[in-house]
Amino acid sequence: MSTSQVAATPDAAGVEEELAEFRLHLTTLAPVQRRILSVLMPRLVALDEKGDVNGALAILEQVRGILWEGRLTRH
């Protein structure tokens, strides 16, 4: 989805807030966690495009675990 498409949606402000929050938290992760996420995110998009809900949910659980690990190990 392009930026212009996001801006055209009724809830664009909410999407922009979520993206900003995601980017903020992404900067707090360790380099290894960021690399792992950079591999998992394209897989998530591909599974979503195929309609593989179970596969997408499995990836989301992995992402959630990585994000929580970063939160717990941050000092």
Protein backbone atom coordinates (compact mmCIF):
# COMPACT_ATOMS: atom_id res chain seq x y z
CA MET A 1 0.00 0.00 0.00
CA SER A 2 1.41 3.35 -0.97
CA THR A 3 1.49 6.39 1.25
CA SER A 4 -1.21 8.03 -0.87
CA GLN A 5 -3.46 5.00 -0.36
CA VAL A 6 -2.92 5.11 3.39
CA ALA A 7 -3.75 8.83 3.42
CA ALA A 8 -6.97 8.15 1.53
CA THR A 9 -8.33 5.69 4.09
CA PRO A 10 -10.70 6.97 6.76
CA ASP A 11 -8.49 5.70 9.57
CA ALA A 12 -5.21 6.97 8.12
CA ALA A 13 -4.31 8.78 11.35
CA GLY A 14 -4.59 5.52 13.28
CA VAL A 15 -2.45 3.69 10.75
CA GLU A 16 0.17 6.44 10.85
CA GLU A 17 0.23 6.28 14.67
CA GLU A 18 0.70 2.51 14.60
CA LEU A 19 3.51 2.81 12.05
CA ALA A 20 5.23 5.47 14.14
CA GLU A 21 4.95 3.33 17.26
CA PHE A 22 6.26 0.27 15.41
CA ARG A 23 9.23 2.23 14.09
CA LEU A 24 9.96 3.61 17.56
CA HIS A 25 10.01 0.14 19.10
CA LEU A 26 11.97 -1.26 16.19
CA THR A 27 14.82 1.14 16.96
CA THR A 28 15.05 -0.25 20.49
CA LEU A 29 15.68 -3.81 19.35
CA ALA A 30 19.09 -5.39 19.17
CA PRO A 31 20.62 -5.82 15.69
CA VAL A 32 20.02 -9.58 15.70
CA GLN A 33 16.34 -9.11 16.49
CA ARG A 34 16.01 -6.52 13.71
CA ARG A 35 17.64 -8.92 11.22
CA ILE A 36 15.29 -11.72 12.21
CA LEU A 37 12.29 -9.42 11.78
CA SER A 38 13.58 -8.29 8.39
CA VAL A 39 13.35 -11.93 7.28
CA LEU A 40 9.99 -12.68 8.89
CA MET A 41 8.07 -9.61 7.70
CA PRO A 42 8.29 -10.38 3.95
CA ARG A 43 7.21 -13.95 4.72
CA LEU A 44 4.22 -12.58 6.62
CA VAL A 45 3.22 -10.43 3.66
CA ALA A 46 3.59 -13.38 1.26
CA LEU A 47 1.45 -15.62 3.47
CA ASP A 48 -1.18 -12.89 3.75
CA GLU A 49 -1.27 -12.47 -0.03
CA LYS A 50 -1.74 -16.25 -0.44
CA GLY A 51 -4.52 -16.24 2.13
CA ASP A 52 -2.61 -18.58 4.45
CA VAL A 53 -4.10 -17.39 7.74
CA ASN A 54 -2.53 -20.13 9.87
CA GLY A 55 0.93 -19.46 8.45
CA ALA A 56 0.50 -15.72 8.96
CA LEU A 57 -0.59 -16.25 12.55
CA ALA A 58 2.46 -18.43 13.19
CA ILE A 59 4.73 -15.67 11.86
CA LEU A 60 2.91 -13.10 14.00
CA GLU A 61 3.56 -15.24 17.08
CA GLN A 62 7.26 -15.32 16.19
CA VAL A 63 7.29 -11.55 15.72
CA ARG A 64 5.48 -11.04 19.03
CA GLY A 65 8.03 -13.24 20.78
CA ILE A 66 10.92 -11.29 19.28
CA LEU A 67 9.40 -7.97 20.29
CA TRP A 68 8.73 -9.17 23.84
CA GLU A 69 12.25 -10.56 24.08
CA GLY A 70 13.56 -7.12 23.12
CA ARG A 71 11.36 -5.47 25.73
CA LEU A 72 12.51 -7.87 28.46
CA THR A 73 16.22 -7.65 27.64
CA ARG A 74 16.32 -3.87 27.27
CA HIS A 75 17.89 -2.07 30.20
